[in-house]
Protein backbone atom coordinates (compact mmCIF):
# COMPACT_ATOMS: atom_id res chain seq x y z
CA UNK A 1 140.36 108.08 108.25
CA UNK A 2 137.74 110.84 108.46
CA UNK A 3 135.24 108.74 106.59
CA UNK A 4 135.40 106.01 109.23
CA UNK A 5 135.17 108.53 112.04
CA UNK A 6 132.04 110.03 110.46
CA UNK A 7 130.45 106.60 110.26
CA UNK A 8 131.26 105.97 113.92
CA UNK A 9 129.76 109.32 114.95
CA UNK A 10 126.66 108.59 112.91
CA UNK A 11 126.23 105.25 114.67
CA UNK A 12 126.51 106.99 118.06
CA UNK A 13 123.84 109.49 117.03
CA UNK A 14 121.62 106.67 115.77
CA UNK A 15 122.01 104.77 119.05
CA UNK A 16 121.20 107.83 121.19
CA UNK A 17 118.18 108.65 119.06
CA UNK A 18 116.88 105.10 119.34
CA UNK A 19 117.31 105.13 123.13
CA UNK A 20 115.47 108.44 123.33
CA UNK A 21 112.58 107.12 121.25
CA UNK A 22 112.38 104.02 123.46
CA UNK A 23 112.23 106.15 126.62
CA UNK A 24 109.60 108.43 125.06
CA UNK A 25 107.41 105.46 124.10
CA UNK A 26 107.71 104.11 127.65
CA UNK A 27 106.38 107.47 128.88
CA UNK A 28 103.44 107.15 126.52
CA UNK A 29 104.47 109.72 123.92
CA UNK A 30 102.65 109.23 120.63
CA UNK A 31 104.59 109.64 117.40
CA UNK A 32 103.31 110.72 114.01
CA UNK A 33 100.80 113.16 112.67
CA UNK A 34 97.89 114.01 115.00
CA UNK A 35 94.48 112.63 114.06
CA UNK A 36 92.15 115.03 112.26
CA UNK A 37 89.14 113.62 114.10
CA UNK A 38 88.58 113.20 117.82
CA UNK A 39 87.57 109.81 119.21
CA UNK A 40 83.97 111.03 119.49
CA UNK A 41 83.96 112.26 115.88
CA UNK A 42 85.34 108.92 114.68
CA UNK A 43 82.58 107.00 116.52
CA UNK A 44 79.94 109.39 115.18
CA UNK A 45 81.27 109.06 111.61
CA UNK A 46 81.20 105.25 111.81
CA UNK A 47 77.64 105.34 113.17
CA UNK A 48 76.54 107.61 110.30
CA UNK A 49 78.21 105.33 107.74
CA UNK A 50 76.42 102.32 109.26
CA UNK A 51 73.14 104.21 108.81
CA UNK A 52 73.84 104.53 105.10
CA UNK A 53 75.28 108.02 104.69
CA UNK A 54 77.94 108.36 102.02
CA UNK A 55 81.60 108.84 102.86
CA UNK A 56 81.55 112.17 101.00
CA UNK A 57 78.65 113.52 103.09
CA UNK A 58 80.26 112.47 106.36
CA UNK A 59 83.61 113.89 105.26
CA UNK A 60 82.05 117.25 104.37
CA UNK A 61 80.56 117.49 107.87
CA UNK A 62 83.97 117.13 109.51
CA UNK A 63 85.86 119.13 106.87
CA UNK A 64 88.11 116.21 105.90
CA UNK A 65 88.67 114.30 102.68
CA UNK A 66 86.44 111.33 101.91
CA UNK A 67 89.58 109.17 101.85
CA UNK A 68 90.05 109.91 105.56
CA UNK A 69 86.58 108.55 106.25
CA UNK A 70 87.25 105.54 104.02
CA UNK A 71 90.40 104.70 105.98
CA UNK A 72 88.44 105.08 109.21
CA UNK A 73 85.80 102.67 107.94
CA UNK A 74 88.40 100.18 106.72
CA UNK A 75 90.17 100.20 110.09
CA UNK A 76 86.93 99.75 112.05
CA UNK A 77 86.38 96.40 113.77
CA UNK A 78 84.29 93.80 111.96
CA UNK A 79 80.62 94.69 112.27
CA UNK A 80 79.14 91.23 111.80
CA UNK A 81 77.39 89.23 109.11
CA UNK A 82 74.31 91.47 108.96
CA UNK A 83 76.48 94.48 108.12
CA UNK A 84 78.37 92.50 105.47
CA UNK A 85 75.10 91.41 103.86
CA UNK A 86 73.83 95.00 103.86
CA UNK A 87 77.08 96.12 102.24
CA UNK A 88 76.74 93.54 99.48
CA UNK A 89 73.11 94.57 98.89
CA UNK A 90 74.10 98.23 98.66
CA UNK A 91 76.94 97.37 96.26
CA UNK A 92 74.53 95.37 94.09
CA UNK A 93 72.20 98.39 93.85
CA UNK A 94 75.06 100.60 92.66
CA UNK A 95 75.94 98.19 89.84
């Protein structure tokens, strides 16, 4: 009997938690880990990458890991065909 009561209580807790999260989202609360870079720093990092700086150099400037800058670059909106062609040319030089 206790086992079923525990499951029922757990479902009640789950329901209340879900309702609370829904209300918080409606208020505009953001969940998850805070961003290491401000919006301005993200724009600046993307601009520097577009100018040809390496991810490692940009990362060192902002005291973050190069992977953070790589994720930022991967999530950036499509830059157009000229940027894609420049990327292929740069990749060809590395090989």
